[in-house]
Protein backbone atom coordinates (compact mmCIF):
# COMPACT_ATOMS: atom_id res chain seq x y z
CA GLU A 1 -56.69 17.79 -63.40
CA VAL A 2 -54.92 19.27 -60.37
CA ASN A 3 -52.58 22.24 -60.77
CA PHE A 4 -49.20 22.47 -58.97
CA GLY A 5 -49.40 24.34 -55.70
CA VAL A 6 -53.15 23.74 -55.33
CA ASN A 7 -54.64 21.91 -52.37
CA SER A 8 -57.28 19.32 -53.26
CA ASP A 9 -59.91 17.87 -50.95
CA GLY A 10 -60.48 14.90 -53.25
CA GLN A 11 -63.61 16.18 -55.03
CA TYR A 12 -61.88 16.27 -58.43
CA MET A 13 -60.17 12.87 -58.25
CA ASN A 14 -61.66 9.37 -58.31
CA MET A 15 -60.35 6.05 -56.99
CA ASN A 16 -58.74 5.15 -60.34
CA ASN A 17 -56.50 8.23 -60.20
CA ILE A 18 -54.93 7.19 -56.91
CA ASN A 19 -54.82 3.38 -57.25
CA TYR A 20 -57.72 2.82 -54.87
CA MET A 21 -55.93 4.35 -51.86
CA LEU A 22 -57.97 6.12 -49.18
CA VAL A 23 -56.78 9.73 -49.35
CA SER A 24 -58.27 12.57 -47.33
CA ASP A 25 -55.91 15.31 -48.49
CA LEU A 26 -53.46 15.69 -51.41
CA GLU A 27 -50.82 18.33 -52.10
CA VAL A 28 -48.77 18.50 -55.31
CA TYR A 29 -45.42 20.32 -55.28
CA SER A 30 -43.09 21.44 -58.04
CA VAL A 31 -39.28 21.70 -57.78
CA LYS A 32 -37.92 24.87 -59.30
CA ALA A 33 -35.27 24.30 -61.99
CA VAL A 34 -33.31 27.25 -60.65
CA VAL A 35 -32.43 25.23 -57.53
CA ILE A 36 -30.85 22.54 -59.67
CA GLN A 37 -28.91 25.20 -61.54
CA GLN A 38 -27.70 26.69 -58.25
CA ALA A 39 -26.51 23.27 -57.09
CA SER A 40 -24.70 22.79 -60.38
CA ASN A 41 -23.01 26.17 -59.98
CA LEU A 42 -21.97 25.25 -56.43
CA ARG A 43 -20.38 22.02 -57.65
CA GLN A 44 -18.45 23.99 -60.24
CA LEU A 45 -17.16 26.34 -57.55
CA ASN A 46 -16.10 23.42 -55.38
CA THR A 47 -14.36 21.80 -58.33
CA THR A 48 -12.42 25.00 -59.00
CA HIS A 49 -11.42 25.24 -55.34
CA GLU A 50 -10.38 21.58 -55.40
CA VAL A 51 -7.21 22.32 -57.38
CA SER A 52 -6.56 25.91 -56.34
CA LYS A 53 -3.44 25.25 -54.24
CA GLN A 54 -0.57 22.74 -54.31
CA TRP A 55 -0.27 20.76 -51.09
CA ARG A 56 3.20 19.42 -52.01
CA GLU A 57 5.89 20.58 -54.42
CA PRO A 58 5.31 18.45 -57.52
CA PRO A 59 8.03 17.00 -59.73
CA GLN A 60 8.71 18.57 -63.08
CA TRP A 61 6.28 17.12 -65.61
CA SER A 62 8.71 16.68 -68.47
CA GLU A 63 10.58 14.02 -70.38
CA GLN A 64 13.82 15.34 -68.87
CA SER A 65 12.49 14.93 -65.32
CA PHE A 66 11.30 11.41 -66.14
CA GLN A 67 14.74 10.49 -67.45
CA GLN A 68 16.49 11.94 -64.38
CA LEU A 69 14.28 9.94 -62.01
CA LYS A 70 14.71 6.81 -64.08
CA ASP A 71 18.50 7.27 -64.13
CA PHE A 72 18.61 7.70 -60.34
CA VAL A 73 16.68 4.49 -59.74
CA SER A 74 18.60 2.52 -62.37
CA ARG A 75 22.01 3.68 -61.11
CA TYR A 76 21.24 3.17 -57.44
CA LYS A 77 23.73 1.03 -55.52
CA PRO A 78 23.60 0.14 -51.82
CA LEU A 79 26.11 1.64 -49.40
CA PRO A 80 29.42 -0.06 -50.36
CA ASP A 81 30.51 -0.48 -46.73
CA MET A 82 27.67 -2.95 -46.11
CA LYS A 83 28.93 -5.23 -48.90
CA ILE A 84 25.54 -6.21 -50.28
CA SER A 85 24.57 -6.25 -53.94
CA GLU A 86 20.96 -5.12 -53.55
CA VAL A 87 18.44 -3.90 -50.99
CA ASN A 88 15.12 -5.59 -50.25
CA ILE A 89 12.02 -3.38 -50.31
CA LEU A 90 8.99 -5.09 -48.74
CA LEU A 91 5.50 -4.32 -50.06
CA VAL A 92 2.78 -5.00 -47.51
CA GLY A 93 -0.87 -3.99 -47.25
CA GLN A 94 -4.52 -4.93 -47.61
CA ILE A 95 -5.82 -7.07 -50.47
CA ASN A 96 -6.51 -5.27 -53.76
CA ALA A 97 -4.45 -2.27 -52.64
CA GLY A 98 -2.05 -2.52 -55.58
CA LYS A 99 1.13 -4.18 -54.26
CA SER A 100 1.61 -6.44 -57.27
CA SER A 101 0.43 -3.66 -59.56
CA PHE A 102 3.16 -1.37 -58.25
CA PHE A 103 5.80 -3.94 -59.16
CA ASN A 104 4.21 -4.31 -62.59
CA THR A 105 4.24 -0.53 -62.98
CA LEU A 106 7.93 -0.22 -62.14
CA ASN A 107 8.80 -3.25 -64.23
CA SER A 108 6.90 -1.74 -67.17
CA ILE A 109 8.86 1.51 -66.92
CA PHE A 110 12.23 -0.24 -67.22
CA ARG A 111 11.00 -2.72 -69.77
CA GLY A 112 9.72 0.05 -71.99
CA GLU A 113 6.22 -1.37 -72.39
CA ILE A 114 3.28 -2.45 -70.24
CA SER A 115 4.01 -5.78 -68.55
CA ALA A 116 2.22 -8.01 -66.07
CA ARG A 117 4.75 -10.37 -64.49
CA ALA A 118 2.97 -10.35 -61.14
CA CYS A 119 -0.62 -11.54 -60.95
CA ALA A 120 -2.73 -8.48 -60.16
CA GLY A 121 -6.40 -7.56 -60.06
CA SER A 122 -9.45 -7.54 -57.78
CA SER A 123 -10.44 -10.61 -55.80
CA GLN A 124 -12.22 -11.57 -52.61
CA HIS A 125 -8.99 -13.10 -51.32
CA SER A 126 -5.33 -12.32 -51.93
CA LEU A 127 -4.08 -13.21 -55.42
CA THR A 128 -0.56 -13.40 -53.98
CA THR A 129 -0.11 -16.47 -51.78
CA ASP A 130 3.68 -16.84 -51.98
CA LEU A 131 6.48 -14.47 -50.99
CA ARG A 132 8.02 -13.17 -54.21
CA LYS A 133 11.30 -11.28 -54.30
CA TYR A 134 11.18 -9.70 -57.72
CA ARG A 135 14.17 -8.34 -59.60
CA ILE A 136 13.70 -5.72 -62.30
CA ARG A 137 15.77 -5.79 -65.47
CA ASN A 138 16.67 -2.55 -67.19
CA ARG A 139 16.14 -3.24 -70.89
CA ALA A 140 18.49 -0.38 -71.80
CA THR A 141 21.47 -2.11 -70.13
CA SER A 142 20.17 -5.72 -69.91
CA GLY A 143 21.27 -5.67 -66.27
CA TYR A 144 19.22 -6.00 -63.08
CA LEU A 145 18.54 -3.03 -60.82
CA ASN A 146 20.18 -3.14 -57.40
CA PHE A 147 17.05 -3.74 -55.37
CA ARG A 148 14.28 -6.31 -55.04
CA LEU A 149 10.59 -5.67 -54.52
CA CYS A 150 9.27 -8.28 -52.09
CA ASP A 151 5.57 -8.94 -52.70
CA THR A 152 3.55 -10.52 -49.88
CA ARG A 153 0.13 -11.98 -49.27
CA GLY A 154 -2.50 -9.26 -48.95
CA LEU A 155 -4.00 -8.60 -45.53
CA GLU A 156 -7.69 -9.43 -45.12
CA GLU A 157 -10.20 -9.76 -42.31
CA GLU A 158 -10.18 -13.55 -41.93
CA MET A 159 -7.17 -14.91 -43.85
CA SER A 160 -3.94 -13.00 -43.39
CA MET A 161 -0.22 -13.12 -42.69
CA HIS A 162 0.71 -14.04 -39.13
CA LEU A 163 2.70 -11.69 -36.92
CA GLN A 164 5.37 -14.38 -36.50
CA ASP A 165 5.68 -14.66 -40.28
CA MET A 166 6.27 -10.92 -40.58
CA ALA A 167 9.01 -11.05 -37.94
CA LEU A 168 10.70 -13.92 -39.78
CA LEU A 169 10.36 -12.08 -43.08
CA LEU A 170 11.89 -8.86 -41.75
CA ASP A 171 14.82 -10.82 -40.33
CA GLY A 172 15.47 -12.63 -43.62
CA HIS A 173 14.27 -16.11 -42.61
CA LEU A 174 11.78 -16.51 -45.49
CA SER A 175 13.14 -17.23 -48.96
CA ASP A 176 11.72 -16.38 -52.37
CA GLN A 177 8.54 -18.37 -53.18
CA TYR A 178 7.87 -19.28 -49.55
CA LYS A 179 4.16 -20.17 -49.39
CA PHE A 180 2.23 -18.42 -46.63
CA ASN A 181 -0.21 -20.54 -44.63
CA PRO A 182 -3.07 -18.39 -43.27
CA MET A 183 -3.95 -21.15 -40.79
CA ALA A 184 -0.50 -21.47 -39.16
CA HIS A 185 2.71 -19.46 -38.91
CA ALA A 186 6.06 -20.64 -40.26
CA THR A 187 8.33 -22.99 -38.32
CA GLN A 188 11.97 -24.01 -38.75
CA ARG A 189 10.85 -27.26 -40.40
CA ASP A 190 8.89 -25.55 -43.18
CA LEU A 191 10.17 -25.52 -46.74
CA GLY A 192 11.61 -22.13 -47.62
CA VAL A 193 12.63 -21.13 -44.08
CA VAL A 194 16.25 -19.91 -43.87
CA LEU A 195 17.83 -20.83 -40.54
CA ASN A 196 20.88 -18.55 -40.72
CA PRO A 197 20.08 -15.51 -42.86
CA THR A 198 22.67 -12.89 -43.80
CA PHE A 199 22.22 -9.12 -43.85
CA GLN A 200 21.60 -9.46 -47.59
CA ASP A 201 18.50 -11.58 -46.84
CA LYS A 202 16.91 -9.04 -44.49
CA ILE A 203 14.35 -6.37 -45.33
CA HIS A 204 15.92 -2.91 -45.58
CA CYS A 205 12.82 -0.75 -46.09
CA VAL A 206 9.05 -1.35 -46.02
CA ALA A 207 6.35 0.25 -48.14
CA PHE A 208 2.79 0.00 -46.82
CA VAL A 209 0.64 -0.08 -49.95
CA VAL A 210 -2.72 1.47 -49.05
CA ASP A 211 -5.85 1.94 -51.14
CA GLY A 212 -6.51 5.67 -50.95
CA SER A 213 -10.16 5.22 -51.96
CA SER A 214 -10.93 3.07 -48.90
CA ILE A 215 -8.51 4.37 -46.27
CA ASP A 216 -11.44 5.46 -44.06
CA VAL A 217 -12.97 1.99 -43.95
CA ILE A 218 -10.01 -0.34 -43.32
CA LYS A 219 -11.46 -3.21 -41.32
CA GLY A 220 -10.51 -3.66 -37.67
CA ASN A 221 -8.38 -6.80 -37.95
CA VAL A 222 -6.49 -5.45 -40.96
CA SER A 223 -5.82 -2.13 -39.23
CA GLN A 224 -4.56 -3.93 -36.12
CA LYS A 225 -2.29 -6.12 -38.24
CA LEU A 226 -0.76 -3.06 -39.87
CA MET A 227 -0.08 -1.54 -36.46
CA HIS A 228 1.49 -4.76 -35.14
CA PHE A 229 3.65 -5.04 -38.25
CA ARG A 230 4.79 -1.46 -37.84
CA SER A 231 5.79 -2.19 -34.23
CA LEU A 232 8.07 -4.96 -35.49
CA MET A 233 9.67 -2.55 -37.94
CA ILE A 234 10.20 0.10 -35.27
CA GLU A 235 11.87 -2.48 -32.99
CA ARG A 236 14.35 -3.25 -35.78
CA GLY A 237 14.85 0.33 -36.89
CA ILE A 238 13.57 -0.46 -40.39
CA PRO A 239 12.30 2.66 -42.20
CA HIS A 240 8.83 2.53 -43.68
CA VAL A 241 6.79 4.61 -46.10
CA VAL A 242 3.28 4.54 -47.54
CA PHE A 243 2.43 4.16 -51.21
CA LEU A 244 -1.10 5.58 -51.49
CA THR A 245 -2.76 4.08 -54.55
CA LYS A 246 -6.02 4.50 -56.48
CA LEU A 247 -6.15 8.26 -55.99
CA ASP A 248 -7.69 8.47 -59.45
CA LYS A 249 -10.79 7.00 -57.78
CA VAL A 250 -10.60 9.58 -54.99
CA CYS A 251 -10.56 12.53 -57.37
CA PRO A 252 -12.02 12.44 -60.92
CA MET A 253 -9.65 15.22 -61.99
CA VAL A 254 -6.66 13.01 -61.18
CA ASP A 255 -8.23 10.30 -63.30
CA GLU A 256 -8.27 12.75 -66.19
CA ASP A 257 -4.84 14.26 -65.52
CA VAL A 258 -2.41 12.65 -63.06
CA ARG A 259 -0.56 15.97 -62.73
CA LYS A 260 -3.45 17.22 -60.56
CA ILE A 261 -2.51 14.67 -57.87
CA TYR A 262 -0.41 17.25 -55.97
CA GLN A 263 -3.15 19.88 -56.17
CA SER A 264 -6.28 17.86 -55.42
CA GLN A 265 -7.63 18.61 -51.95
CA ALA A 266 -9.27 15.17 -51.91
CA CYS A 267 -5.85 13.58 -52.44
CA LYS A 268 -4.36 15.79 -49.75
CA LYS A 269 -7.02 14.62 -47.29
CA ALA A 270 -6.31 10.98 -48.22
CA ILE A 271 -2.58 11.57 -47.61
CA GLU A 272 -3.30 13.05 -44.17
CA THR A 273 -5.65 10.20 -43.26
CA ALA A 274 -3.10 7.57 -44.31
CA ALA A 275 -0.39 9.30 -42.26
CA ASP A 276 -2.67 9.27 -39.20
CA VAL A 277 -3.75 5.64 -39.66
CA ILE A 278 -0.22 4.27 -40.13
CA GLY A 279 1.35 6.77 -37.74
CA ILE A 280 4.07 8.28 -39.93
CA PRO A 281 4.88 11.82 -41.13
CA ARG A 282 2.90 13.07 -44.11
CA GLY A 283 6.18 13.52 -45.96
CA HIS A 284 6.63 9.74 -45.88
CA VAL A 285 3.33 9.13 -47.70
CA PHE A 286 3.73 9.07 -51.47
CA PRO A 287 0.87 9.18 -53.98
CA VAL A 288 1.09 6.44 -56.60
CA LYS A 289 -0.76 5.86 -59.86
CA ASN A 290 -0.27 2.29 -61.07
CA TYR A 291 -0.66 1.26 -64.67
CA GLU A 292 -4.07 -0.42 -64.69
CA GLN A 293 -6.28 0.58 -67.59
CA GLU A 294 -3.46 1.98 -69.75
CA THR A 295 -2.09 -0.02 -72.67
CA GLN A 296 0.88 2.27 -73.31
CA LEU A 297 3.39 3.97 -71.04
CA GLN A 298 2.65 7.56 -70.06
CA THR A 299 5.45 9.85 -68.93
CA ASN A 300 3.51 11.53 -66.12
CA VAL A 301 2.24 8.25 -64.65
CA SER A 302 5.81 6.93 -64.65
CA ILE A 303 7.09 10.11 -62.97
CA VAL A 304 4.72 9.60 -60.01
CA ALA A 305 5.85 5.98 -59.48
CA LEU A 306 9.55 6.81 -59.87
CA THR A 307 9.26 9.70 -57.41
CA ALA A 308 7.95 7.29 -54.75
CA MET A 309 10.61 4.69 -55.55
CA ARG A 310 13.45 7.20 -55.49
CA GLN A 311 12.65 8.36 -51.96
CA THR A 312 12.18 4.78 -50.78
CA LEU A 313 15.71 3.92 -51.93
CA VAL A 314 17.03 6.99 -50.08
CA PHE A 315 15.35 5.71 -46.89
CA ALA A 316 16.82 2.25 -47.46
CA ASP A 317 20.28 3.82 -47.64
CA ASP A 318 19.57 5.62 -44.34
CA TYR A 319 18.97 2.21 -42.77
CA LEU A 320 22.21 0.84 -44.22
CA GLU A 321 24.09 3.84 -42.84
CA ASP A 322 22.62 3.24 -39.38
CA GLN A 323 23.54 -0.45 -39.47
CA TYR A 324 27.09 0.36 -40.57
CA GLU A 325 27.53 2.76 -37.66
CA LEU A 326 26.20 0.16 -35.22
CA GLN A 327 28.63 -2.43 -36.55
CA SER A 328 31.51 0.05 -36.38
CA ASP A 329 30.76 0.86 -32.74
CA GLN A 330 30.82 -2.80 -31.68
C-alpha cells in the first residue's frame, strides 16, 4: 500500500499492481476537496454578477403590458398615403436559426394556442425551400393582421440563396411559394417570377434571424452572404433589424426565467456580437424567445416576441414615410 504524498522507488509494488509497465519512479497525489468548494463558490459569485445590472430597459412583465403590445401589433396599419394594405417583413438568416419558429410564435400568440403552420426544427439543410408570405389571423377579430412575414430558405455553407434571388425578392419579383433553386438563380422565365411588381409586392423591412448560441462561429460563406444581402438592402434604403434567438441556450438563467434576458451579461455580449457581425446599432438587435418546448402560451415569452415585432413595424413605417417623401419630390 502506498500513502498519498509519499514517493515510492518501486520496492513495495510488483508488476501486477502496475499492469506490467516498467516504472522507475511513482508519485501519488491527492486533490483537496476545499479547492472544489472554492471553485463552486466562484461560480456562484459569477452567477450573481451575471444578472446584477440591466443592459436594456425591459418591458413591463404583466398581462396589461402583453395586451398593450398585442393591441399595437394587431391594430397596425401601413401609412395611408402609400395606399397599400399590408407591409412585407422579410425573415432571412442561417439554417436552424428560428425563422419559421418566429412566425409560428407570432401566429400562436394571435391564435391563442401553440400552432405550427410553418415547418420548423433542426436539420442539416434548410427545411424551408419555398418563399412563403405568411398572413396571421387574429382569432379575436377573425381578420388578418396588416403585415406578412416572408419566410425564406435558410443560408448554409454549400446550398444557399443566390444574391440575384435576394435582389429580386427585395424588389417584389418573387411571388408566394416561389421555389428557390440552390444551383441556379431565378430568371424571367421561371414560374413564380413577377415581371412588373407593385410597391405592395416589395419588401418593406428585413429581420436577420440569428442564432445567438452560435453567433461566434457563423461559417465564412454564410457570413459573406449576410453582408452581401445587407448591401442590397442599404442600396434600396430598406431598414433591417436582428432577431437574436436561442438566448435560453446562451444563459441557463434565461432558460429558467425569460425575464432575465435583459439582465444576463451573456445575452448582452451576444447582442453586441450580433450588432458587430451584421453591422447595425445595438438598439436594432432584439432578443427573441420562440415557442419551442412549450405546450402552452406564456405571457412573458409572448411579450419578448411582440416587443421585437412592434419595433420592426415602426421601422417599416419609417421606410414607407421615406418612400412617400421621395415620390412627393418627383
